[in-house]
C-alpha atoms as a PDB file:
ATOM      1  CA  UNK A   1     122.509  64.244  31.107  1.00  0.00           C
ATOM      2  CA  UNK A   2     120.374  66.513  28.570  1.00  0.00           C
ATOM      3  CA  UNK A   3     120.404  69.984  30.245  1.00  0.00           C
ATOM      4  CA  UNK A   4     117.442  72.242  30.094  1.00  0.00           C
ATOM      5  CA  UNK A   5     113.951  72.524  31.287  1.00  0.00           C
ATOM      6  CA  UNK A   6     113.034  69.366  33.527  1.00  0.00           C
ATOM      7  CA  UNK A   7     110.397  67.359  32.040  1.00  0.00           C
ATOM      8  CA  UNK A   8     107.929  67.520  34.754  1.00  0.00           C
ATOM      9  CA  UNK A   9     105.389  65.151  33.474  1.00  0.00           C
ATOM     10  CA  UNK A  10     107.790  62.361  33.562  1.00  0.00           C
ATOM     11  CA  UNK A  11     108.998  63.374  36.573  1.00  0.00           C
ATOM     12  CA  UNK A  12     105.657  63.092  38.128  1.00  0.00           C
ATOM     13  CA  UNK A  13     105.178  59.566  36.443  1.00  0.00           C
ATOM     14  CA  UNK A  14     108.489  58.382  38.045  1.00  0.00           C
ATOM     15  CA  UNK A  15     107.647  59.234  41.426  1.00  0.00           C
ATOM     16  CA  UNK A  16     104.559  57.733  41.512  1.00  0.00           C
ATOM     17  CA  UNK A  17     105.727  54.593  39.660  1.00  0.00           C
ATOM     18  CA  UNK A  18     108.708  54.607  42.525  1.00  0.00           C
ATOM     19  CA  UNK A  19     106.302  55.020  45.107  1.00  0.00           C
ATOM     20  CA  UNK A  20     103.981  52.242  44.162  1.00  0.00           C
ATOM     21  CA  UNK A  21     106.624  50.264  42.308  1.00  0.00           C
ATOM     22  CA  UNK A  22     103.990  49.449  40.050  1.00  0.00           C
ATOM     23  CA  UNK A  23     103.213  50.830  36.493  1.00  0.00           C
ATOM     24  CA  UNK A  24      99.591  49.835  36.873  1.00  0.00           C
ATOM     25  CA  UNK A  25      98.932  51.547  40.165  1.00  0.00           C
ATOM     26  CA  UNK A  26     100.700  54.730  39.007  1.00  0.00           C
ATOM     27  CA  UNK A  27      99.119  54.951  35.869  1.00  0.00           C
ATOM     28  CA  UNK A  28      95.572  54.587  37.579  1.00  0.00           C
ATOM     29  CA  UNK A  29      96.601  57.304  40.042  1.00  0.00           C
ATOM     30  CA  UNK A  30      97.625  59.588  37.273  1.00  0.00           C
ATOM     31  CA  UNK A  31      94.794  58.704  35.141  1.00  0.00           C
ATOM     32  CA  UNK A  32      96.688  57.523  32.098  1.00  0.00           C
ATOM     33  CA  UNK A  33      97.211  54.077  30.407  1.00  0.00           C
ATOM     34  CA  UNK A  34     100.240  51.921  31.729  1.00  0.00           C
ATOM     35  CA  UNK A  35     101.911  52.234  28.036  1.00  0.00           C
ATOM     36  CA  UNK A  36     101.705  56.108  28.399  1.00  0.00           C
ATOM     37  CA  UNK A  37     103.214  56.062  31.891  1.00  0.00           C
ATOM     38  CA  UNK A  38     105.843  53.396  30.526  1.00  0.00           C
ATOM     39  CA  UNK A  39     106.674  55.815  27.773  1.00  0.00           C
ATOM     40  CA  UNK A  40     107.324  58.404  29.973  1.00  0.00           C
ATOM     41  CA  UNK A  41     109.342  56.788  32.089  1.00  0.00           C
ATOM     42  CA  UNK A  42     111.647  55.580  28.984  1.00  0.00           C
ATOM     43  CA  UNK A  43     111.775  59.280  28.236  1.00  0.00           C
ATOM     44  CA  UNK A  44     112.768  60.429  31.559  1.00  0.00           C
ATOM     45  CA  UNK A  45     115.703  57.503  31.472  1.00  0.00           C
ATOM     46  CA  UNK A  46     116.786  59.027  27.875  1.00  0.00           C
ATOM     47  CA  UNK A  47     117.164  62.393  29.436  1.00  0.00           C
ATOM     48  CA  UNK A  48     119.060  61.347  32.550  1.00  0.00           C
ATOM     49  CA  UNK A  49     120.665  59.262  30.290  1.00  0.00           C
ATOM     50  CA  UNK A  50     120.705  56.071  32.823  1.00  0.00           C
ATOM     51  CA  UNK A  51     118.111  53.393  33.596  1.00  0.00           C
ATOM     52  CA  UNK A  52     116.033  54.276  36.732  1.00  0.00           C
ATOM     53  CA  UNK A  53     113.897  50.898  36.941  1.00  0.00           C
ATOM     54  CA  UNK A  54     115.069  47.253  36.503  1.00  0.00           C
ATOM     55  CA  UNK A  55     112.185  45.717  34.961  1.00  0.00           C
ATOM     56  CA  UNK A  56     111.436  41.922  36.032  1.00  0.00           C
ATOM     57  CA  UNK A  57     109.272  39.501  35.216  1.00  0.00           C
ATOM     58  CA  UNK A  58     106.067  40.416  37.679  1.00  0.00           C
ATOM     59  CA  UNK A  59     107.841  43.262  39.335  1.00  0.00           C
ATOM     60  CA  UNK A  60     109.850  46.601  38.771  1.00  0.00           C
ATOM     61  CA  UNK A  61     112.887  47.673  41.280  1.00  0.00           C
ATOM     62  CA  UNK A  62     114.834  51.067  41.558  1.00  0.00           C
ATOM     63  CA  UNK A  63     118.108  51.077  40.024  1.00  0.00           C
ATOM     64  CA  UNK A  64     121.051  53.104  42.344  1.00  0.00           C
ATOM     65  CA  UNK A  65     120.079  55.966  40.107  1.00  0.00           C
ATOM     66  CA  UNK A  66     116.549  55.574  40.683  1.00  0.00           C
ATOM     67  CA  UNK A  67     117.244  55.213  44.356  1.00  0.00           C
ATOM     68  CA  UNK A  68     119.067  58.479  44.440  1.00  0.00           C
ATOM     69  CA  UNK A  69     116.527  60.326  42.806  1.00  0.00           C
ATOM     70  CA  UNK A  70     113.261  59.357  44.203  1.00  0.00           C
ATOM     71  CA  UNK A  71     113.702  60.753  47.727  1.00  0.00           C
ATOM     72  CA  UNK A  72     114.044  64.062  46.581  1.00  0.00           C
ATOM     73  CA  UNK A  73     111.216  63.966  44.240  1.00  0.00           C
ATOM     74  CA  UNK A  74     108.902  62.578  46.827  1.00  0.00           C
ATOM     75  CA  UNK A  75     109.520  65.191  49.116  1.00  0.00           C
ATOM     76  CA  UNK A  76     108.900  68.117  46.238  1.00  0.00           C
ATOM     77  CA  UNK A  77     105.859  66.546  45.121  1.00  0.00           C
ATOM     78  CA  UNK A  78     104.587  66.006  48.630  1.00  0.00           C
ATOM     79  CA  UNK A  79     105.307  70.018  49.301  1.00  0.00           C
ATOM     80  CA  UNK A  80     103.803  70.976  46.068  1.00  0.00           C
ATOM     81  CA  UNK A  81     100.580  69.188  46.798  1.00  0.00           C
ATOM     82  CA  UNK A  82     100.830  70.709  50.414  1.00  0.00           C
ATOM     83  CA  UNK A  83     101.129  73.904  48.787  1.00  0.00           C
ATOM     84  CA  UNK A  84      98.124  73.478  46.616  1.00  0.00           C
ATOM     85  CA  UNK A  85      95.566  72.179  49.423  1.00  0.00           C
ATOM     86  CA  UNK A  86      96.569  74.963  51.121  1.00  0.00           C
ATOM     87  CA  UNK A  87      95.950  77.417  48.535  1.00  0.00           C
ATOM     88  CA  UNK A  88      92.460  75.846  47.927  1.00  0.00           C
ATOM     89  CA  UNK A  89      91.754  76.064  51.643  1.00  0.00           C
ATOM     90  CA  UNK A  90      92.403  79.765  51.606  1.00  0.00           C
ATOM     91  CA  UNK A  91      89.286  82.177  52.265  1.00  0.00           C
ATOM     92  CA  UNK A  92      88.322  84.570  49.595  1.00  0.00           C
ATOM     93  CA  UNK A  93      88.388  88.408  50.241  1.00  0.00           C
ATOM     94  CA  UNK A  94      85.087  88.474  51.195  1.00  0.00           C
ATOM     95  CA  UNK A  95      84.976  85.247  53.343  1.00  0.00           C
ATOM     96  CA  UNK A  96      85.819  85.889  57.333  1.00  0.00           C
ATOM     97  CA  UNK A  97      86.661  82.913  59.170  1.00  0.00           C
ATOM     98  CA  UNK A  98      86.532  83.401  62.726  1.00  0.00           C
ATOM     99  CA  UNK A  99      87.593  80.476  65.463  1.00  0.00           C
ATOM    100  CA  UNK A 100      85.962  80.598  69.161  1.00  0.00           C
ATOM    101  CA  UNK A 101      85.454  77.868  71.507  1.00  0.00           C
ATOM    102  CA  UNK A 102      82.146  75.889  71.148  1.00  0.00           C
ATOM    103  CA  UNK A 103      80.734  77.262  74.306  1.00  0.00           C
ATOM    104  CA  UNK A 104      81.159  80.837  73.724  1.00  0.00           C
ATOM    105  CA  UNK A 105      80.132  80.516  70.020  1.00  0.00           C
ATOM    106  CA  UNK A 106      77.148  79.125  70.912  1.00  0.00           C
ATOM    107  CA  UNK A 107      76.049  81.220  74.251  1.00  0.00           C
ATOM    108  CA  UNK A 108      77.818  84.724  73.026  1.00  0.00           C
ATOM    109  CA  UNK A 109      78.731  84.850  69.491  1.00  0.00           C
ATOM    110  CA  UNK A 110      75.896  83.386  67.642  1.00  0.00           C
ATOM    111  CA  UNK A 111      72.924  85.145  69.169  1.00  0.00           C
ATOM    112  CA  UNK A 112      74.782  88.646  68.163  1.00  0.00           C
ATOM    113  CA  UNK A 113      76.503  87.537  64.823  1.00  0.00           C
ATOM    114  CA  UNK A 114      73.368  88.706  62.810  1.00  0.00           C
ATOM    115  CA  UNK A 115      73.928  92.208  63.674  1.00  0.00           C
ATOM    116  CA  UNK A 116      77.411  92.150  62.217  1.00  0.00           C
ATOM    117  CA  UNK A 117      76.058  90.472  59.123  1.00  0.00           C
ATOM    118  CA  UNK A 118      73.606  93.340  58.909  1.00  0.00           C
ATOM    119  CA  UNK A 119      76.258  95.999  59.111  1.00  0.00           C
ATOM    120  CA  UNK A 120      78.585  94.174  56.777  1.00  0.00           C
ATOM    121  CA  UNK A 121      76.512  92.319  54.064  1.00  0.00           C
ATOM    122  CA  UNK A 122      79.349  92.150  51.810  1.00  0.00           C
ATOM    123  CA  UNK A 123      81.423  89.690  53.990  1.00  0.00           C
ATOM    124  CA  UNK A 124      80.190  85.861  54.608  1.00  0.00           C
ATOM    125  CA  UNK A 125      81.432  84.778  57.867  1.00  0.00           C
ATOM    126  CA  UNK A 126      82.107  81.304  58.950  1.00  0.00           C
ATOM    127  CA  UNK A 127      82.689  80.493  62.613  1.00  0.00           C
ATOM    128  CA  UNK A 128      85.112  77.548  63.354  1.00  0.00           C
ATOM    129  CA  UNK A 129      83.821  76.326  66.642  1.00  0.00           C
ATOM    130  CA  UNK A 130      87.028  74.398  68.273  1.00  0.00           C
ATOM    131  CA  UNK A 131      88.966  74.079  71.671  1.00  0.00           C
ATOM    132  CA  UNK A 132      92.284  73.779  69.770  1.00  0.00           C
ATOM    133  CA  UNK A 133      94.429  76.855  69.362  1.00  0.00           C
ATOM    134  CA  UNK A 134      93.925  78.087  65.966  1.00  0.00           C
ATOM    135  CA  UNK A 135      96.803  77.599  63.378  1.00  0.00           C
ATOM    136  CA  UNK A 136      96.677  81.123  61.014  1.00  0.00           C
ATOM    137  CA  UNK A 137      98.517  79.223  58.293  1.00  0.00           C
ATOM    138  CA  UNK A 138      97.239  75.959  57.757  1.00  0.00           C
ATOM    139  CA  UNK A 139      93.648  76.323  58.984  1.00  0.00           C
ATOM    140  CA  UNK A 140      92.576  79.417  56.847  1.00  0.00           C
ATOM    141  CA  UNK A 141      91.469  81.069  60.016  1.00  0.00           C
ATOM    142  CA  UNK A 142      91.268  85.084  59.911  1.00  0.00           C
ATOM    143  CA  UNK A 143      90.984  86.018  63.610  1.00  0.00           C
ATOM    144  CA  UNK A 144      90.458  83.555  66.910  1.00  0.00           C
ATOM    145  CA  UNK A 145      88.630  84.624  70.252  1.00  0.00           C
ATOM    146  CA  UNK A 146      90.215  82.761  73.056  1.00  0.00           C
ATOM    147  CA  UNK A 147      90.077  82.497  76.764  1.00  0.00           C
ATOM    148  CA  UNK A 148      93.563  83.496  78.172  1.00  0.00           C
ATOM    149  CA  UNK A 149      95.607  84.850  80.813  1.00  0.00           C
ATOM    150  CA  UNK A 150      98.132  86.524  78.761  1.00  0.00           C
ATOM    151  CA  UNK A 151      99.051  87.932  75.471  1.00  0.00           C
ATOM    152  CA  UNK A 152      99.629  85.563  72.640  1.00  0.00           C
ATOM    153  CA  UNK A 153     103.605  85.523  71.649  1.00  0.00           C
ATOM    154  CA  UNK A 154     104.137  87.076  68.239  1.00  0.00           C
ATOM    155  CA  UNK A 155     100.597  87.713  67.722  1.00  0.00           C
ATOM    156  CA  UNK A 156      98.302  91.244  67.906  1.00  0.00           C
ATOM    157  CA  UNK A 157      95.599  90.417  70.979  1.00  0.00           C
ATOM    158  CA  UNK A 158      93.018  92.398  72.575  1.00  0.00           C
ATOM    159  CA  UNK A 159      90.852  91.708  75.602  1.00  0.00           C
ATOM    160  CA  UNK A 160      87.168  91.720  74.912  1.00  0.00           C
ATOM    161  CA  UNK A 161      85.932  91.410  78.905  1.00  0.00           C
ATOM    162  CA  UNK A 162      87.539  89.670  81.842  1.00  0.00           C
ATOM    163  CA  UNK A 163      86.445  86.216  82.797  1.00  0.00           C
ATOM    164  CA  UNK A 164      84.142  86.618  85.781  1.00  0.00           C
ATOM    165  CA  UNK A 165      82.396  83.570  87.611  1.00  0.00           C
ATOM    166  CA  UNK A 166      79.327  83.862  89.587  1.00  0.00           C
ATOM    167  CA  UNK A 167      76.630  81.300  90.666  1.00  0.00           C
ATOM    168  CA  UNK A 168      73.517  80.835  88.455  1.00  0.00           C
ATOM    169  CA  UNK A 169      70.165  79.106  89.058  1.00  0.00           C
ATOM    170  CA  UNK A 170      66.847  78.952  87.361  1.00  0.00           C
ATOM    171  CA  UNK A 171      64.401  80.819  89.199  1.00  0.00           C
ATOM    172  CA  UNK A 172      61.967  77.806  89.303  1.00  0.00           C
ATOM    173  CA  UNK A 173      64.715  76.212  91.456  1.00  0.00           C
ATOM    174  CA  UNK A 174      64.977  78.907  93.993  1.00  0.00           C
ATOM    175  CA  UNK A 175      61.377  78.897  94.520  1.00  0.00           C
ATOM    176  CA  UNK A 176      61.249  74.895  94.876  1.00  0.00           C
ATOM    177  CA  UNK A 177      64.249  74.643  96.885  1.00  0.00           C
ATOM    178  CA  UNK A 178      63.338  78.080  99.022  1.00  0.00           C
ATOM    179  CA  UNK A 179      66.981  79.204  98.505  1.00  0.00           C
ATOM    180  CA  UNK A 180      67.443  82.266 100.476  1.00  0.00           C
ATOM    181  CA  UNK A 181      71.191  82.421 101.749  1.00  0.00           C
ATOM    182  CA  UNK A 182      74.289  81.235 100.330  1.00  0.00           C
ATOM    183  CA  UNK A 183      74.578  78.532 102.553  1.00  0.00           C
ATOM    184  CA  UNK A 184      71.350  76.879 100.875  1.00  0.00           C
ATOM    185  CA  UNK A 185      73.294  75.757  98.131  1.00  0.00           C
ATOM    186  CA  UNK A 186      75.271  73.392 100.011  1.00  0.00           C
ATOM    187  CA  UNK A 187      72.124  71.195 100.099  1.00  0.00           C
ATOM    188  CA  UNK A 188      71.158  71.328  96.096  1.00  0.00           C
ATOM    189  CA  UNK A 189      72.877  70.014  93.314  1.00  0.00           C
ATOM    190  CA  UNK A 190      75.939  71.693  91.902  1.00  0.00           C
ATOM    191  CA  UNK A 191      76.540  71.450  88.454  1.00  0.00           C
ATOM    192  CA  UNK A 192      80.580  71.443  87.153  1.00  0.00           C
ATOM    193  CA  UNK A 193      81.819  72.699  83.891  1.00  0.00           C
ATOM    194  CA  UNK A 194      85.129  70.653  83.827  1.00  0.00           C
ATOM    195  CA  UNK A 195      86.068  72.884  80.742  1.00  0.00           C
ATOM    196  CA  UNK A 196      86.264  75.722  83.003  1.00  0.00           C
ATOM    197  CA  UNK A 197      87.498  73.607  85.834  1.00  0.00           C
ATOM    198  CA  UNK A 198      90.573  72.624  83.772  1.00  0.00           C
ATOM    199  CA  UNK A 199      91.694  75.824  82.929  1.00  0.00           C
ATOM    200  CA  UNK A 200      94.712  76.701  85.337  1.00  0.00           C
ATOM    201  CA  UNK A 201      93.872  79.297  88.176  1.00  0.00           C
ATOM    202  CA  UNK A 202      89.735  79.581  87.615  1.00  0.00           C
ATOM    203  CA  UNK A 203      88.202  79.002  90.600  1.00  0.00           C
ATOM    204  CA  UNK A 204      85.922  76.248  91.333  1.00  0.00           C
ATOM    205  CA  UNK A 205      82.773  75.428  93.660  1.00  0.00           C
ATOM    206  CA  UNK A 206      85.183  74.629  96.531  1.00  0.00           C
ATOM    207  CA  UNK A 207      86.690  78.118  96.168  1.00  0.00           C
ATOM    208  CA  UNK A 208      83.420  80.007  95.942  1.00  0.00           C
ATOM    209  CA  UNK A 209      82.166  78.470  99.145  1.00  0.00           C
ATOM    210  CA  UNK A 210      85.744  79.627 101.178  1.00  0.00           C
ATOM    211  CA  UNK A 211      85.126  83.107  99.541  1.00  0.00           C
ATOM    212  CA  UNK A 212      81.423  83.177 100.590  1.00  0.00           C
ATOM    213  CA  UNK A 213      82.384  82.079 103.927  1.00  0.00           C
ATOM    214  CA  UNK A 214      80.326  78.995 103.878  1.00  0.00           C
ATOM    215  CA  UNK A 215      81.833  75.923 106.028  1.00  0.00           C
ATOM    216  CA  UNK A 216      79.264  73.667 105.820  1.00  0.00           C
ATOM    217  CA  UNK A 217      79.868  70.521 103.812  1.00  0.00           C
ATOM    218  CA  UNK A 218      77.918  69.979 100.216  1.00  0.00           C
ATOM    219  CA  UNK A 219      75.677  67.591 101.025  1.00  0.00           C
ATOM    220  CA  UNK A 220      74.093  67.449  97.294  1.00  0.00           C
ATOM    221  CA  UNK A 221      74.706  65.626  94.336  1.00  0.00           C
ATOM    222  CA  UNK A 222      76.980  66.679  91.184  1.00  0.00           C
ATOM    223  CA  UNK A 223      76.590  66.806  87.645  1.00  0.00           C
ATOM    224  CA  UNK A 224      79.181  67.311  85.381  1.00  0.00           C
ATOM    225  CA  UNK A 225      79.747  68.695  81.851  1.00  0.00           C
ATOM    226  CA  UNK A 226      82.750  69.060  79.515  1.00  0.00           C
ATOM    227  CA  UNK A 227      81.100  72.041  77.681  1.00  0.00           C
ATOM    228  CA  UNK A 228      79.653  75.399  79.585  1.00  0.00           C
ATOM    229  CA  UNK A 229      76.637  75.728  77.245  1.00  0.00           C
ATOM    230  CA  UNK A 230      75.499  72.142  78.092  1.00  0.00           C
ATOM    231  CA  UNK A 231      76.016  73.335  81.798  1.00  0.00           C
ATOM    232  CA  UNK A 232      74.185  76.172  81.123  1.00  0.00           C
ATOM    233  CA  UNK A 233      71.194  74.679  79.572  1.00  0.00           C
ATOM    234  CA  UNK A 234      70.900  71.972  82.369  1.00  0.00           C
ATOM    235  CA  UNK A 235      71.033  74.821  85.179  1.00  0.00           C
ATOM    236  CA  UNK A 236      68.140  76.393  82.941  1.00  0.00           C
ATOM    237  CA  UNK A 237      66.173  73.396  83.112  1.00  0.00           C
ATOM    238  CA  UNK A 238      66.749  73.248  87.037  1.00  0.00           C
ATOM    239  CA  UNK A 239      69.189  70.495  86.988  1.00  0.00           C
ATOM    240  CA  UNK A 240      71.068  72.650  90.264  1.00  0.00           C
ATOM    241  CA  UNK A 241      73.443  75.499  90.543  1.00  0.00           C
ATOM    242  CA  UNK A 242      76.088  76.361  88.385  1.00  0.00           C
ATOM    243  CA  UNK A 243      79.409  78.447  88.797  1.00  0.00           C
ATOM    244  CA  UNK A 244      79.303  80.330  85.513  1.00  0.00           C
ATOM    245  CA  UNK A 245      81.065  82.308  83.212  1.00  0.00           C
ATOM    246  CA  UNK A 246      79.266  85.805  83.426  1.00  0.00           C
ATOM    247  CA  UNK A 247      79.588  86.414  79.575  1.00  0.00           C
ATOM    248  CA  UNK A 248      78.206  83.059  78.557  1.00  0.00           C
ATOM    249  CA  UNK A 249      75.461  83.447  81.382  1.00  0.00           C
ATOM    250  CA  UNK A 250      74.686  86.871  80.196  1.00  0.00           C
ATOM    251  CA  UNK A 251      71.703  86.303  77.962  1.00  0.00           C
ATOM    252  CA  UNK A 252      70.014  83.466  79.990  1.00  0.00           C
ATOM    253  CA  UNK A 253      70.622  86.333  83.124  1.00  0.00           C
ATOM    254  CA  UNK A 254      69.072  89.221  81.071  1.00  0.00           C
ATOM    255  CA  UNK A 255      66.391  86.891  79.678  1.00  0.00           C
ATOM    256  CA  UNK A 256      65.483  85.806  83.450  1.00  0.00           C
ATOM    257  CA  UNK A 257      65.737  82.120  82.354  1.00  0.00           C
ATOM    258  CA  UNK A 258      68.539  82.020  85.189  1.00  0.00           C
ATOM    259  CA  UNK A 259      68.948  84.284  88.153  1.00  0.00           C
ATOM    260  CA  UNK A 260      72.206  84.892  90.331  1.00  0.00           C
ATOM    261  CA  UNK A 261      70.821  85.457  93.953  1.00  0.00           C
ATOM    262  CA  UNK A 262      73.920  85.257  95.941  1.00  0.00           C
ATOM    263  CA  UNK A 263      77.601  86.253  95.765  1.00  0.00           C
ATOM    264  CA  UNK A 264      80.178  86.825  95.693  1.00  0.00           C
ATOM    265  CA  UNK A 265      81.564  86.991  92.141  1.00  0.00           C
ATOM    266  CA  UNK A 266      84.877  85.662  91.556  1.00  0.00           C
ATOM    267  CA  UNK A 267      87.388  87.796  89.270  1.00  0.00           C
ATOM    268  CA  UNK A 268      89.997  85.395  87.435  1.00  0.00           C
ATOM    269  CA  UNK A 269      93.150  86.292  85.702  1.00  0.00           C
ATOM    270  CA  UNK A 270      91.833  85.299  82.563  1.00  0.00           C
ATOM    271  CA  UNK A 271      90.297  87.395  79.652  1.00  0.00           C
ATOM    272  CA  UNK A 272      88.401  86.713  76.536  1.00  0.00           C
ATOM    273  CA  UNK A 273      90.504  88.338  73.819  1.00  0.00           C
ATOM    274  CA  UNK A 274      90.973  88.469  70.186  1.00  0.00           C
ATOM    275  CA  UNK A 275      94.202  87.075  68.554  1.00  0.00           C
ATOM    276  CA  UNK A 276      95.355  87.218  65.106  1.00  0.00           C
ATOM    277  CA  UNK A 277      98.732  87.964  63.325  1.00  0.00           C
ATOM    278  CA  UNK A 278      99.220  91.721  62.786  1.00  0.00           C
ATOM    279  CA  UNK A 279      99.498  91.355  58.994  1.00  0.00           C
ATOM    280  CA  UNK A 280      95.551  90.153  58.948  1.00  0.00           C
ATOM    281  CA  UNK A 281      94.510  93.868  60.919  1.00  0.00           C
ATOM    282  CA  UNK A 282      95.199  95.148  57.092  1.00  0.00           C
ATOM    283  CA  UNK A 283      92.260  93.474  55.828  1.00  0.00           C
ATOM    284  CA  UNK A 284      89.107  95.143  55.712  1.00  0.00           C
ATOM    285  CA  UNK A 285      86.857  92.385  56.813  1.00  0.00           C
ATOM    286  CA  UNK A 286      89.190  91.501  59.575  1.00  0.00           C
ATOM    287  CA  UNK A 287      89.143  95.102  60.875  1.00  0.00           C
ATOM    288  CA  UNK A 288      85.385  95.743  60.195  1.00  0.00           C
ATOM    289  CA  UNK A 289      84.668  92.443  62.459  1.00  0.00           C
ATOM    290  CA  UNK A 290      86.903  93.932  65.100  1.00  0.00           C
ATOM    291  CA  UNK A 291      85.474  97.113  65.285  1.00  0.00           C
ATOM    292  CA  UNK A 292      81.868  95.418  65.564  1.00  0.00           C
ATOM    293  CA  UNK A 293      82.724  92.795  68.290  1.00  0.00           C
ATOM    294  CA  UNK A 294      84.724  95.696  70.434  1.00  0.00           C
ATOM    295  CA  UNK A 295      81.797  97.487  70.269  1.00  0.00           C
ATOM    296  CA  UNK A 296      79.414  94.482  71.241  1.00  0.00           C
ATOM    297  CA  UNK A 297      81.679  93.888  74.257  1.00  0.00           C
ATOM    298  CA  UNK A 298      81.919  97.440  75.426  1.00  0.00           C
ATOM    299  CA  UNK A 299      78.244  97.567  75.515  1.00  0.00           C
ATOM    300  CA  UNK A 300      77.965  94.019  77.540  1.00  0.00           C
ATOM    301  CA  UNK A 301      80.479  95.831  79.880  1.00  0.00           C
ATOM    302  CA  UNK A 302      78.519  98.600  80.537  1.00  0.00           C
ATOM    303  CA  UNK A 303      75.271  96.409  81.352  1.00  0.00           C
ATOM    304  CA  UNK A 304      77.231  94.223  83.618  1.00  0.00           C
END
């Protein structure tokens, strides 16, 4: 074998050919002619001093030397492709990627984000609305906002506000159904946020009725949604009463689209909190976002 720098183009040609077991298909993948690819393979065989393919009439097969070489090269080129894709997905210094749940994004973050844009016009903000946990390595996410009851292991985190639940109703429905006491909710439609109900330790309507001391059975209908913003929109339209996140219902309550005529409010062990790798806090764009959203959260806490 000749020692020296490895012929990377020829190795790439070999990997593609071994994967396809076809000079034609490998050449098409690499955008070269079959003749040029065959020339690279022959040069590689000369470099190693042994044949890598057995050439038959209408097919090719790997020789024992080719079978020994192929697995390692396949893995190496796959890792190189993955690294290049990861680099391409990395945001630039002025692009901030924020991950948050769709409901929180729609009902709280999006209506306020313009203030961050005004305060930091040099930062291009992108919101990735997803129920899944952010992967800070592969997804290019800079910081995430999550509903959680504990600190994220190995990550920096900061609580924004607690998850508090309360019944919300459109004022139109209150008037139509002459709702005057908490027990009146047993006779109207109840809206259920199934995404909220799936979170361990979060109260549901049955828990609220028990906390309110209401023993009468619910005789109304039920309407279920898998997203809190859809459930809130239905409540605004008068579809029923919703046991809602105070934070997500805040703007609808503030503007009068919803009211909360009855207690009690129910506290939970959960918080909306910021989560990010410690190293991300060293980036000015992340630091600016943290300062802004903490200020927003503090002003909300003072109001409610």
